[in-house]
Amino acid sequence: MATVEQLMNANLLEVFNERDGDRRRAAIARTYAPHVRFADPDAVVEGHEALDAKAQQILDGAPGFVFTAGGPLRVSHDLGMLEWNFGPEGQPPVVRGVDIALVADGLITSVHTLLLD
């Protein structure tokens, strides 16, 4: 069973940072509960397919941008928090944010994304 730390890193790097759709969908299947709920300032989506479409939309809107961790990963029992940066590789971030995720039975059940800038 995956730890909260492993799941938070997978959320950022293997899902939202992955431009290959097949690899991203495989990561989604092993990282999130089937009815995962993802909420950011733009929308709320539910389920693996909707989450995949959301990640693809973000990546399509920012060619050449990458996500990187923006601070230490913090965990309290079944809750994880990870700040992130998003921008051109090797450059200062254009957007900063934080993901807060709830985990149950080794899978993320919900993610809330807040923008910091």
PDB file of N, CA and C in Angstrom:
ATOM      1  N   MET A   1       0.848  -1.182   0.000  1.00  0.00           N
ATOM      2  CA  MET A   1       0.000   0.000   0.000  1.00  0.00           C
ATOM      3  C   MET A   1       0.892   1.242   0.000  1.00  0.00           C
ATOM      4  N   ALA A   2       0.567   2.180  -0.863  1.00  0.00           N
ATOM      5  CA  ALA A   2       1.376   3.399  -1.002  1.00  0.00           C
ATOM      6  C   ALA A   2       1.207   4.305   0.212  1.00  0.00           C
ATOM      7  N   THR A   3       2.255   5.026   0.535  1.00  0.00           N
ATOM      8  CA  THR A   3       2.205   5.997   1.627  1.00  0.00           C
ATOM      9  C   THR A   3       1.640   7.322   1.124  1.00  0.00           C
ATOM     10  N   VAL A   4       1.255   8.173   2.040  1.00  0.00           N
ATOM     11  CA  VAL A   4       0.781   9.513   1.673  1.00  0.00           C
ATOM     12  C   VAL A   4       1.877  10.241   0.907  1.00  0.00           C
ATOM     13  N   GLU A   5       3.117  10.120   1.338  1.00  0.00           N
ATOM     14  CA  GLU A   5       4.234  10.775   0.665  1.00  0.00           C
ATOM     15  C   GLU A   5       4.366  10.301  -0.779  1.00  0.00           C
ATOM     16  N   GLN A   6       4.309   8.995  -0.988  1.00  0.00           N
ATOM     17  CA  GLN A   6       4.419   8.451  -2.338  1.00  0.00           C
ATOM     18  C   GLN A   6       3.271   8.937  -3.221  1.00  0.00           C
ATOM     19  N   LEU A   7       2.076   8.968  -2.666  1.00  0.00           N
ATOM     20  CA  LEU A   7       0.906   9.400  -3.432  1.00  0.00           C
ATOM     21  C   LEU A   7       0.977  10.882  -3.784  1.00  0.00           C
ATOM     22  N   MET A   8       1.433  11.707  -2.871  1.00  0.00           N
ATOM     23  CA  MET A   8       1.540  13.143  -3.148  1.00  0.00           C
ATOM     24  C   MET A   8       2.573  13.409  -4.244  1.00  0.00           C
ATOM     25  N   ASN A   9       3.692  12.700  -4.197  1.00  0.00           N
ATOM     26  CA  ASN A   9       4.706  12.854  -5.241  1.00  0.00           C
ATOM     27  C   ASN A   9       4.189  12.352  -6.584  1.00  0.00           C
ATOM     28  N   ALA A  10       3.455  11.239  -6.571  1.00  0.00           N
ATOM     29  CA  ALA A  10       2.882  10.723  -7.815  1.00  0.00           C
ATOM     30  C   ALA A  10       1.864  11.700  -8.380  1.00  0.00           C
ATOM     31  N   ASN A  11       1.041  12.291  -7.543  1.00  0.00           N
ATOM     32  CA  ASN A  11       0.054  13.275  -7.990  1.00  0.00           C
ATOM     33  C   ASN A  11       0.736  14.399  -8.760  1.00  0.00           C
ATOM     34  N   LEU A  12       1.804  14.920  -8.205  1.00  0.00           N
ATOM     35  CA  LEU A  12       2.491  16.048  -8.835  1.00  0.00           C
ATOM     36  C   LEU A  12       3.303  15.629 -10.059  1.00  0.00           C
ATOM     37  N   LEU A  13       4.148  14.619  -9.901  1.00  0.00           N
ATOM     38  CA  LEU A  13       5.144  14.316 -10.922  1.00  0.00           C
ATOM     39  C   LEU A  13       4.711  13.269 -11.948  1.00  0.00           C
ATOM     40  N   GLU A  14       3.941  12.279 -11.531  1.00  0.00           N
ATOM     41  CA  GLU A  14       3.560  11.204 -12.444  1.00  0.00           C
ATOM     42  C   GLU A  14       2.215  11.447 -13.111  1.00  0.00           C
ATOM     43  N   VAL A  15       1.432  12.374 -12.572  1.00  0.00           N
ATOM     44  CA  VAL A  15       0.136  12.675 -13.174  1.00  0.00           C
ATOM     45  C   VAL A  15       0.167  14.061 -13.810  1.00  0.00           C
ATOM     46  N   PHE A  16       0.274  15.097 -13.010  1.00  0.00           N
ATOM     47  CA  PHE A  16       0.153  16.448 -13.550  1.00  0.00           C
ATOM     48  C   PHE A  16       1.395  16.908 -14.310  1.00  0.00           C
ATOM     49  N   ASN A  17       2.502  16.227 -14.148  1.00  0.00           N
ATOM     50  CA  ASN A  17       3.717  16.581 -14.885  1.00  0.00           C
ATOM     51  C   ASN A  17       3.970  15.637 -16.060  1.00  0.00           C
ATOM     52  N   GLU A  18       3.094  14.656 -16.266  1.00  0.00           N
ATOM     53  CA  GLU A  18       3.317  13.630 -17.291  1.00  0.00           C
ATOM     54  C   GLU A  18       2.565  13.960 -18.581  1.00  0.00           C
ATOM     55  N   ARG A  19       3.315  14.177 -19.640  1.00  0.00           N
ATOM     56  CA  ARG A  19       2.707  14.521 -20.928  1.00  0.00           C
ATOM     57  C   ARG A  19       2.314  13.296 -21.755  1.00  0.00           C
ATOM     58  N   ASP A  20       2.862  12.133 -21.449  1.00  0.00           N
ATOM     59  CA  ASP A  20       2.481  10.910 -22.140  1.00  0.00           C
ATOM     60  C   ASP A  20       1.176  10.387 -21.528  1.00  0.00           C
ATOM     61  N   GLY A  21       0.115  10.356 -22.320  1.00  0.00           N
ATOM     62  CA  GLY A  21      -1.204   9.984 -21.818  1.00  0.00           C
ATOM     63  C   GLY A  21      -1.272   8.585 -21.246  1.00  0.00           C
ATOM     64  N   ASP A  22      -0.617   7.614 -21.872  1.00  0.00           N
ATOM     65  CA  ASP A  22      -0.660   6.238 -21.369  1.00  0.00           C
ATOM     66  C   ASP A  22       0.009   6.127 -20.003  1.00  0.00           C
ATOM     67  N   ARG A  23       1.175   6.748 -19.865  1.00  0.00           N
ATOM     68  CA  ARG A  23       1.868   6.712 -18.564  1.00  0.00           C
ATOM     69  C   ARG A  23       1.059   7.455 -17.503  1.00  0.00           C
ATOM     70  N   ARG A  24       0.442   8.590 -17.884  1.00  0.00           N
ATOM     71  CA  ARG A  24      -0.358   9.360 -16.928  1.00  0.00           C
ATOM     72  C   ARG A  24      -1.569   8.541 -16.471  1.00  0.00           C
ATOM     73  N   ARG A  25      -2.268   7.887 -17.388  1.00  0.00           N
ATOM     74  CA  ARG A  25      -3.443   7.103 -17.010  1.00  0.00           C
ATOM     75  C   ARG A  25      -3.062   5.924 -16.115  1.00  0.00           C
ATOM     76  N   ALA A  26      -1.907   5.312 -16.359  1.00  0.00           N
ATOM     77  CA  ALA A  26      -1.435   4.228 -15.488  1.00  0.00           C
ATOM     78  C   ALA A  26      -1.157   4.764 -14.084  1.00  0.00           C
ATOM     79  N   ALA A  27      -0.562   5.949 -14.000  1.00  0.00           N
ATOM     80  CA  ALA A  27      -0.294   6.567 -12.693  1.00  0.00           C
ATOM     81  C   ALA A  27      -1.596   6.932 -11.986  1.00  0.00           C
ATOM     82  N   ILE A  28      -2.562   7.420 -12.739  1.00  0.00           N
ATOM     83  CA  ILE A  28      -3.867   7.757 -12.148  1.00  0.00           C
ATOM     84  C   ILE A  28      -4.489   6.509 -11.534  1.00  0.00           C
ATOM     85  N   ALA A  29      -4.454   5.388 -12.239  1.00  0.00           N
ATOM     86  CA  ALA A  29      -5.065   4.152 -11.747  1.00  0.00           C
ATOM     87  C   ALA A  29      -4.444   3.670 -10.449  1.00  0.00           C
ATOM     88  N   ARG A  30      -3.139   3.891 -10.263  1.00  0.00           N
ATOM     89  CA  ARG A  30      -2.482   3.398  -9.046  1.00  0.00           C
ATOM     90  C   ARG A  30      -2.405   4.456  -7.930  1.00  0.00           C
ATOM     91  N   THR A  31      -2.842   5.693  -8.216  1.00  0.00           N
ATOM     92  CA  THR A  31      -2.686   6.788  -7.261  1.00  0.00           C
ATOM     93  C   THR A  31      -4.005   7.234  -6.637  1.00  0.00           C
ATOM     94  N   TYR A  32      -5.104   7.141  -7.394  1.00  0.00           N
ATOM     95  CA  TYR A  32      -6.376   7.716  -6.943  1.00  0.00           C
ATOM     96  C   TYR A  32      -7.473   6.670  -6.828  1.00  0.00           C
ATOM     97  N   ALA A  33      -8.386   6.902  -5.897  1.00  0.00           N
ATOM     98  CA  ALA A  33      -9.603   6.104  -5.798  1.00  0.00           C
ATOM     99  C   ALA A  33     -10.427   6.333  -7.073  1.00  0.00           C
ATOM    100  N   PRO A  34     -11.242   5.362  -7.477  1.00  0.00           N
ATOM    101  CA  PRO A  34     -12.006   5.500  -8.728  1.00  0.00           C
ATOM    102  C   PRO A  34     -12.872   6.760  -8.803  1.00  0.00           C
ATOM    103  N   HIS A  35     -13.409   7.196  -7.687  1.00  0.00           N
ATOM    104  CA  HIS A  35     -14.289   8.373  -7.700  1.00  0.00           C
ATOM    105  C   HIS A  35     -13.602   9.590  -7.085  1.00  0.00           C
ATOM    106  N   VAL A  36     -12.292   9.701  -7.322  1.00  0.00           N
ATOM    107  CA  VAL A  36     -11.524  10.827  -6.787  1.00  0.00           C
ATOM    108  C   VAL A  36     -12.197  12.140  -7.163  1.00  0.00           C
ATOM    109  N   ARG A  37     -12.108  13.082  -6.254  1.00  0.00           N
ATOM    110  CA  ARG A  37     -12.646  14.432  -6.483  1.00  0.00           C
ATOM    111  C   ARG A  37     -11.472  15.395  -6.502  1.00  0.00           C
ATOM    112  N   PHE A  38     -11.333  16.165  -7.588  1.00  0.00           N
ATOM    113  CA  PHE A  38     -10.248  17.137  -7.738  1.00  0.00           C
ATOM    114  C   PHE A  38     -10.880  18.515  -7.874  1.00  0.00           C
ATOM    115  N   ALA A  39     -10.459  19.440  -7.014  1.00  0.00           N
ATOM    116  CA  ALA A  39     -10.998  20.800  -7.048  1.00  0.00           C
ATOM    117  C   ALA A  39      -9.858  21.798  -7.127  1.00  0.00           C
ATOM    118  N   ASP A  40      -9.964  22.704  -8.114  1.00  0.00           N
ATOM    119  CA  ASP A  40      -9.045  23.832  -8.198  1.00  0.00           C
ATOM    120  C   ASP A  40      -9.890  25.085  -8.420  1.00  0.00           C
ATOM    121  N   PRO A  41      -9.280  26.264  -8.505  1.00  0.00           N
ATOM    122  CA  PRO A  41     -10.083  27.480  -8.651  1.00  0.00           C
ATOM    123  C   PRO A  41     -10.969  27.510  -9.899  1.00  0.00           C
ATOM    124  N   ASP A  42     -10.643  26.691 -10.913  1.00  0.00           N
ATOM    125  CA  ASP A  42     -11.404  26.710 -12.156  1.00  0.00           C
ATOM    126  C   ASP A  42     -12.567  25.734 -12.196  1.00  0.00           C
ATOM    127  N   ALA A  43     -12.437  24.590 -11.535  1.00  0.00           N
ATOM    128  CA  ALA A  43     -13.461  23.555 -11.688  1.00  0.00           C
ATOM    129  C   ALA A  43     -13.323  22.485 -10.616  1.00  0.00           C
ATOM    130  N   VAL A  44     -14.352  21.664 -10.534  1.00  0.00           N
ATOM    131  CA  VAL A  44     -14.335  20.450  -9.726  1.00  0.00           C
ATOM    132  C   VAL A  44     -14.630  19.304 -10.679  1.00  0.00           C
ATOM    133  N   VAL A  45     -13.765  18.283 -10.681  1.00  0.00           N
ATOM    134  CA  VAL A  45     -13.979  17.113 -11.523  1.00  0.00           C
ATOM    135  C   VAL A  45     -13.939  15.866 -10.653  1.00  0.00           C
ATOM    136  N   GLU A  46     -14.607  14.816 -11.138  1.00  0.00           N
ATOM    137  CA  GLU A  46     -14.648  13.560 -10.382  1.00  0.00           C
ATOM    138  C   GLU A  46     -14.366  12.379 -11.288  1.00  0.00           C
ATOM    139  N   GLY A  47     -13.573  11.447 -10.786  1.00  0.00           N
ATOM    140  CA  GLY A  47     -13.268  10.220 -11.500  1.00  0.00           C
ATOM    141  C   GLY A  47     -11.975  10.286 -12.277  1.00  0.00           C
ATOM    142  N   HIS A  48     -11.490   9.102 -12.633  1.00  0.00           N
ATOM    143  CA  HIS A  48     -10.203   8.983 -13.321  1.00  0.00           C
ATOM    144  C   HIS A  48     -10.199   9.675 -14.680  1.00  0.00           C
ATOM    145  N   GLU A  49     -11.230   9.460 -15.483  1.00  0.00           N
ATOM    146  CA  GLU A  49     -11.255  10.057 -16.828  1.00  0.00           C
ATOM    147  C   GLU A  49     -11.262  11.575 -16.763  1.00  0.00           C
ATOM    148  N   ALA A  50     -12.052  12.127 -15.852  1.00  0.00           N
ATOM    149  CA  ALA A  50     -12.130  13.590 -15.725  1.00  0.00           C
ATOM    150  C   ALA A  50     -10.809  14.153 -15.212  1.00  0.00           C
ATOM    151  N   LEU A  51     -10.160  13.444 -14.304  1.00  0.00           N
ATOM    152  CA  LEU A  51      -8.860  13.892 -13.793  1.00  0.00           C
ATOM    153  C   LEU A  51      -7.807  13.857 -14.901  1.00  0.00           C
ATOM    154  N   ASP A  52      -7.824  12.813 -15.708  1.00  0.00           N
ATOM    155  CA  ASP A  52      -6.905  12.721 -16.840  1.00  0.00           C
ATOM    156  C   ASP A  52      -7.126  13.891 -17.801  1.00  0.00           C
ATOM    157  N   ALA A  53      -8.383  14.188 -18.103  1.00  0.00           N
ATOM    158  CA  ALA A  53      -8.696  15.303 -19.006  1.00  0.00           C
ATOM    159  C   ALA A  53      -8.242  16.628 -18.414  1.00  0.00           C
ATOM    160  N   LYS A  54      -8.392  16.798 -17.103  1.00  0.00           N
ATOM    161  CA  LYS A  54      -7.970  18.028 -16.435  1.00  0.00           C
ATOM    162  C   LYS A  54      -6.452  18.186 -16.532  1.00  0.00           C
ATOM    163  N   ALA A  55      -5.706  17.128 -16.255  1.00  0.00           N
ATOM    164  CA  ALA A  55      -4.245  17.194 -16.355  1.00  0.00           C
ATOM    165  C   ALA A  55      -3.823  17.508 -17.783  1.00  0.00           C
ATOM    166  N   GLN A  56      -4.455  16.877 -18.758  1.00  0.00           N
ATOM    167  CA  GLN A  56      -4.119  17.126 -20.159  1.00  0.00           C
ATOM    168  C   GLN A  56      -4.406  18.577 -20.538  1.00  0.00           C
ATOM    169  N   GLN A  57      -5.524  19.110 -20.061  1.00  0.00           N
ATOM    170  CA  GLN A  57      -5.889  20.507 -20.337  1.00  0.00           C
ATOM    171  C   GLN A  57      -4.832  21.464 -19.794  1.00  0.00           C
ATOM    172  N   ILE A  58      -4.381  21.218 -18.576  1.00  0.00           N
ATOM    173  CA  ILE A  58      -3.359  22.079 -17.967  1.00  0.00           C
ATOM    174  C   ILE A  58      -2.068  22.018 -18.774  1.00  0.00           C
ATOM    175  N   LEU A  59      -1.639  20.818 -19.124  1.00  0.00           N
ATOM    176  CA  LEU A  59      -0.391  20.655 -19.867  1.00  0.00           C
ATOM    177  C   LEU A  59      -0.491  21.220 -21.286  1.00  0.00           C
ATOM    178  N   ASP A  60      -1.638  21.024 -21.936  1.00  0.00           N
ATOM    179  CA  ASP A  60      -1.824  21.575 -23.284  1.00  0.00           C
ATOM    180  C   ASP A  60      -1.772  23.095 -23.279  1.00  0.00           C
ATOM    181  N   GLY A  61      -2.226  23.706 -22.185  1.00  0.00           N
ATOM    182  CA  GLY A  61      -2.246  25.158 -22.095  1.00  0.00           C
ATOM    183  C   GLY A  61      -0.902  25.776 -21.752  1.00  0.00           C
ATOM    184  N   ALA A  62       0.092  24.943 -21.490  1.00  0.00           N
ATOM    185  CA  ALA A  62       1.396  25.462 -21.067  1.00  0.00           C
ATOM    186  C   ALA A  62       2.522  24.604 -21.652  1.00  0.00           C
ATOM    187  N   PRO A  63       2.699  24.629 -22.972  1.00  0.00           N
ATOM    188  CA  PRO A  63       3.776  23.828 -23.570  1.00  0.00           C
ATOM    189  C   PRO A  63       5.138  24.224 -22.999  1.00  0.00           C
ATOM    190  N   GLY A  64       5.941  23.225 -22.682  1.00  0.00           N
ATOM    191  CA  GLY A  64       7.277  23.482 -22.161  1.00  0.00           C
ATOM    192  C   GLY A  64       7.334  23.762 -20.672  1.00  0.00           C
ATOM    193  N   PHE A  65       6.177  23.871 -20.022  1.00  0.00           N
ATOM    194  CA  PHE A  65       6.148  24.097 -18.580  1.00  0.00           C
ATOM    195  C   PHE A  65       6.260  22.756 -17.859  1.00  0.00           C
ATOM    196  N   VAL A  66       6.840  22.799 -16.666  1.00  0.00           N
ATOM    197  CA  VAL A  66       6.953  21.614 -15.823  1.00  0.00           C
ATOM    198  C   VAL A  66       6.546  21.962 -14.397  1.00  0.00           C
ATOM    199  N   PHE A  67       6.041  20.945 -13.703  1.00  0.00           N
ATOM    200  CA  PHE A  67       5.761  21.066 -12.276  1.00  0.00           C
ATOM    201  C   PHE A  67       6.982  20.605 -11.499  1.00  0.00           C
ATOM    202  N   THR A  68       7.307  21.312 -10.437  1.00  0.00           N
ATOM    203  CA  THR A  68       8.354  20.901  -9.498  1.00  0.00           C
ATOM    204  C   THR A  68       7.840  21.154  -8.088  1.00  0.00           C
ATOM    205  N   ALA A  69       8.371  20.406  -7.142  1.00  0.00           N
ATOM    206  CA  ALA A  69       8.009  20.642  -5.742  1.00  0.00           C
ATOM    207  C   ALA A  69       8.499  22.030  -5.344  1.00  0.00           C
ATOM    208  N   GLY A  70       7.683  22.726  -4.580  1.00  0.00           N
ATOM    209  CA  GLY A  70       8.017  24.084  -4.169  1.00  0.00           C
ATOM    210  C   GLY A  70       8.306  24.203  -2.691  1.00  0.00           C
ATOM    211  N   GLY A  71       8.344  23.104  -2.010  1.00  0.00           N
ATOM    212  CA  GLY A  71       8.586  23.105  -0.576  1.00  0.00           C
ATOM    213  C   GLY A  71       8.509  21.689  -0.058  1.00  0.00           C
ATOM    214  N   PRO A  72       8.694  21.528   1.234  1.00  0.00           N
ATOM    215  CA  PRO A  72       8.659  20.183   1.804  1.00  0.00           C
ATOM    216  C   PRO A  72       7.243  19.605   1.782  1.00  0.00           C
ATOM    217  N   LEU A  73       7.177  18.302   1.643  1.00  0.00           N
ATOM    218  CA  LEU A  73       5.906  17.595   1.720  1.00  0.00           C
ATOM    219  C   LEU A  73       5.543  17.450   3.191  1.00  0.00           C
ATOM    220  N   ARG A  74       4.323  17.780   3.516  1.00  0.00           N
ATOM    221  CA  ARG A  74       3.866  17.688   4.906  1.00  0.00           C
ATOM    222  C   ARG A  74       2.742  16.671   4.998  1.00  0.00           C
ATOM    223  N   VAL A  75       2.770  15.859   6.054  1.00  0.00           N
ATOM    224  CA  VAL A  75       1.772  14.804   6.233  1.00  0.00           C
ATOM    225  C   VAL A  75       1.272  14.817   7.665  1.00  0.00           C
ATOM    226  N   SER A  76      -0.034  14.660   7.807  1.00  0.00           N
ATOM    227  CA  SER A  76      -0.664  14.446   9.111  1.00  0.00           C
ATOM    228  C   SER A  76      -1.681  13.323   8.951  1.00  0.00           C
ATOM    229  N   HIS A  77      -1.301  12.153   9.371  1.00  0.00           N
ATOM    230  CA  HIS A  77      -2.139  10.959   9.279  1.00  0.00           C
ATOM    231  C   HIS A  77      -2.534  10.677   7.828  1.00  0.00           C
ATOM    232  N   ASP A  78      -3.775  10.934   7.450  1.00  0.00           N
ATOM    233  CA  ASP A  78      -4.252  10.627   6.098  1.00  0.00           C
ATOM    234  C   ASP A  78      -4.340  11.864   5.206  1.00  0.00           C
ATOM    235  N   LEU A  79      -3.684  12.949   5.607  1.00  0.00           N
ATOM    236  CA  LEU A  79      -3.733  14.210   4.877  1.00  0.00           C
ATOM    237  C   LEU A  79      -2.322  14.596   4.443  1.00  0.00           C
ATOM    238  N   GLY A  80      -2.178  14.966   3.175  1.00  0.00           N
ATOM    239  CA  GLY A  80      -0.885  15.402   2.666  1.00  0.00           C
ATOM    240  C   GLY A  80      -0.991  16.783   2.061  1.00  0.00           C
ATOM    241  N   MET A  81       0.113  17.537   2.132  1.00  0.00           N
ATOM    242  CA  MET A  81       0.170  18.872   1.545  1.00  0.00           C
ATOM    243  C   MET A  81       1.523  19.047   0.878  1.00  0.00           C
ATOM    244  N   LEU A  82       1.490  19.528  -0.374  1.00  0.00           N
ATOM    245  CA  LEU A  82       2.725  19.732  -1.112  1.00  0.00           C
ATOM    246  C   LEU A  82       2.611  21.003  -1.942  1.00  0.00           C
ATOM    247  N   GLU A  83       3.504  21.957  -1.683  1.00  0.00           N
ATOM    248  CA  GLU A  83       3.578  23.163  -2.505  1.00  0.00           C
ATOM    249  C   GLU A  83       4.281  22.809  -3.810  1.00  0.00           C
ATOM    250  N   TRP A  84       3.899  23.511  -4.884  1.00  0.00           N
ATOM    251  CA  TRP A  84       4.489  23.248  -6.189  1.00  0.00           C
ATOM    252  C   TRP A  84       4.712  24.542  -6.955  1.00  0.00           C
ATOM    253  N   ASN A  85       5.581  24.413  -7.965  1.00  0.00           N
ATOM    254  CA  ASN A  85       5.860  25.493  -8.905  1.00  0.00           C
ATOM    255  C   ASN A  85       5.533  24.979 -10.298  1.00  0.00           C
ATOM    256  N   PHE A  86       5.139  25.904 -11.198  1.00  0.00           N
ATOM    257  CA  PHE A  86       4.829  25.538 -12.572  1.00  0.00           C
ATOM    258  C   PHE A  86       5.342  26.640 -13.482  1.00  0.00           C
ATOM    259  N   GLY A  87       6.203  26.260 -14.396  1.00  0.00           N
ATOM    260  CA  GLY A  87       6.768  27.240 -15.324  1.00  0.00           C
ATOM    261  C   GLY A  87       7.725  26.583 -16.279  1.00  0.00           C
ATOM    262  N   PRO A  88       8.356  27.387 -17.136  1.00  0.00           N
ATOM    263  CA  PRO A  88       9.323  26.830 -18.085  1.00  0.00           C
ATOM    264  C   PRO A  88      10.473  26.151 -17.338  1.00  0.00           C
ATOM    265  N   GLU A  89      10.885  25.010 -17.856  1.00  0.00           N
ATOM    266  CA  GLU A  89      11.956  24.249 -17.198  1.00  0.00           C
ATOM    267  C   GLU A  89      13.199  25.112 -17.023  1.00  0.00           C
ATOM    268  N   GLY A  90      13.739  25.127 -15.811  1.00  0.00           N
ATOM    269  CA  GLY A  90      14.951  25.871 -15.507  1.00  0.00           C
ATOM    270  C   GLY A  90      14.748  27.356 -15.282  1.00  0.00           C
ATOM    271  N   GLN A  91      13.519  27.817 -15.334  1.00  0.00           N
ATOM    272  CA  GLN A  91      13.202  29.240 -15.157  1.00  0.00           C
ATOM    273  C   GLN A  91      12.378  29.432 -13.883  1.00  0.00           C
ATOM    274  N   PRO A  92      12.243  30.667 -13.402  1.00  0.00           N
ATOM    275  CA  PRO A  92      11.374  30.912 -12.243  1.00  0.00           C
ATOM    276  C   PRO A  92       9.934  30.512 -12.576  1.00  0.00           C
ATOM    277  N   PRO A  93       9.183  30.063 -11.572  1.00  0.00           N
ATOM    278  CA  PRO A  93       7.807  29.631 -11.834  1.00  0.00           C
ATOM    279  C   PRO A  93       6.914  30.790 -12.259  1.00  0.00           C
ATOM    280  N   VAL A  94       5.949  30.463 -13.090  1.00  0.00           N
ATOM    281  CA  VAL A  94       4.928  31.414 -13.508  1.00  0.00           C
ATOM    282  C   VAL A  94       3.757  31.346 -12.526  1.00  0.00           C
ATOM    283  N   VAL A  95       3.515  30.141 -12.011  1.00  0.00           N
ATOM    284  CA  VAL A  95       2.427  29.900 -11.063  1.00  0.00           C
ATOM    285  C   VAL A  95       2.973  29.082  -9.906  1.00  0.00           C
ATOM    286  N   ARG A  96       2.501  29.405  -8.705  1.00  0.00           N
ATOM    287  CA  ARG A  96       2.819  28.615  -7.508  1.00  0.00           C
ATOM    288  C   ARG A  96       1.513  28.190  -6.877  1.00  0.00           C
ATOM    289  N   GLY A  97       1.533  27.011  -6.265  1.00  0.00           N
ATOM    290  CA  GLY A  97       0.318  26.541  -5.624  1.00  0.00           C
ATOM    291  C   GLY A  97       0.616  25.496  -4.575  1.00  0.00           C
ATOM    292  N   VAL A  98      -0.463  24.951  -4.037  1.00  0.00           N
ATOM    293  CA  VAL A  98      -0.343  23.892  -3.046  1.00  0.00           C
ATOM    294  C   VAL A  98      -1.467  22.890  -3.294  1.00  0.00           C
ATOM    295  N   ASP A  99      -1.118  21.609  -3.209  1.00  0.00           N
ATOM    296  CA  ASP A  99      -2.102  20.535  -3.283  1.00  0.00           C
ATOM    297  C   ASP A  99      -2.286  19.967  -1.884  1.00  0.00           C
ATOM    298  N   ILE A 100      -3.540  19.785  -1.521  1.00  0.00           N
ATOM    299  CA  ILE A 100      -3.896  19.171  -0.243  1.00  0.00           C
ATOM    300  C   ILE A 100      -4.746  17.960  -0.572  1.00  0.00           C
ATOM    301  N   ALA A 101      -4.301  16.785  -0.148  1.00  0.00           N
ATOM    302  CA  ALA A 101      -4.977  15.545  -0.530  1.00  0.00           C
ATOM    303  C   ALA A 101      -5.355  14.716   0.684  1.00  0.00           C
ATOM    304  N   LEU A 102      -6.497  14.067   0.568  1.00  0.00           N
ATOM    305  CA  LEU A 102      -6.970  13.127   1.579  1.00  0.00           C
ATOM    306  C   LEU A 102      -6.783  11.720   1.028  1.00  0.00           C
ATOM    307  N   VAL A 103      -6.252  10.825   1.855  1.00  0.00           N
ATOM    308  CA  VAL A 103      -5.931   9.465   1.440  1.00  0.00           C
ATOM    309  C   VAL A 103      -6.726   8.473   2.286  1.00  0.00           C
ATOM    310  N   ALA A 104      -7.250   7.444   1.620  1.00  0.00           N
ATOM    311  CA  ALA A 104      -7.915   6.340   2.320  1.00  0.00           C
ATOM    312  C   ALA A 104      -7.563   5.045   1.614  1.00  0.00           C
ATOM    313  N   ASP A 105      -7.244   4.028   2.373  1.00  0.00           N
ATOM    314  CA  ASP A 105      -6.924   2.705   1.827  1.00  0.00           C
ATOM    315  C   ASP A 105      -5.845   2.756   0.752  1.00  0.00           C
ATOM    316  N   GLY A 106      -4.852   3.614   0.947  1.00  0.00           N
ATOM    317  CA  GLY A 106      -3.710   3.669   0.056  1.00  0.00           C
ATOM    318  C   GLY A 106      -3.942   4.375  -1.259  1.00  0.00           C
ATOM    319  N   LEU A 107      -5.037   5.150  -1.362  1.00  0.00           N
ATOM    320  CA  LEU A 107      -5.334   5.901  -2.586  1.00  0.00           C
ATOM    321  C   LEU A 107      -5.816   7.298  -2.228  1.00  0.00           C
ATOM    322  N   ILE A 108      -5.536   8.262  -3.095  1.00  0.00           N
ATOM    323  CA  ILE A 108      -6.040   9.618  -2.889  1.00  0.00           C
ATOM    324  C   ILE A 108      -7.525   9.635  -3.229  1.00  0.00           C
ATOM    325  N   THR A 109      -8.320  10.154  -2.292  1.00  0.00           N
ATOM    326  CA  THR A 109      -9.767  10.251  -2.517  1.00  0.00           C
ATOM    327  C   THR A 109     -10.191  11.654  -2.914  1.00  0.00           C
ATOM    328  N   SER A 110      -9.426  12.665  -2.513  1.00  0.00           N
ATOM    329  CA  SER A 110      -9.736  14.035  -2.928  1.00  0.00           C
ATOM    330  C   SER A 110      -8.471  14.875  -2.911  1.00  0.00           C
ATOM    331  N   VAL A 111      -8.437  15.835  -3.846  1.00  0.00           N
ATOM    332  CA  VAL A 111      -7.330  16.786  -3.936  1.00  0.00           C
ATOM    333  C   VAL A 111      -7.928  18.175  -4.086  1.00  0.00           C
ATOM    334  N   HIS A 112      -7.418  19.089  -3.287  1.00  0.00           N
ATOM    335  CA  HIS A 112      -7.786  20.510  -3.412  1.00  0.00           C
ATOM    336  C   HIS A 112      -6.524  21.266  -3.768  1.00  0.00           C
ATOM    337  N   THR A 113      -6.595  22.053  -4.835  1.00  0.00           N
ATOM    338  CA  THR A 113      -5.466  22.853  -5.275  1.00  0.00           C
ATOM    339  C   THR A 113      -5.764  24.322  -5.015  1.00  0.00           C
ATOM    340  N   LEU A 114      -4.834  24.970  -4.335  1.00  0.00           N
ATOM    341  CA  LEU A 114      -4.935  26.414  -4.078  1.00  0.00           C
ATOM    342  C   LEU A 114      -3.766  27.094  -4.775  1.00  0.00           C
ATOM    343  N   LEU A 115      -4.038  28.229  -5.410  1.00  0.00           N
ATOM    344  CA  LEU A 115      -2.974  28.999  -6.040  1.00  0.00           C
ATOM    345  C   LEU A 115      -2.405  29.986  -5.027  1.00  0.00           C
ATOM    346  N   LEU A 116      -1.086  30.153  -5.049  1.00  0.00           N
ATOM    347  CA  LEU A 116      -0.418  31.016  -4.078  1.00  0.00           C
ATOM    348  C   LEU A 116      -0.082  32.377  -4.658  1.00  0.00           C
ATOM    349  N   ASP A 117      -0.065  32.529  -5.956  1.00  0.00           N
ATOM    350  CA  ASP A 117       0.254  33.818  -6.584  1.00  0.00           C
ATOM    351  C   ASP A 117      -0.961  34.400  -7.239  1.00  0.00           C
TER     352      ASP A 117
END
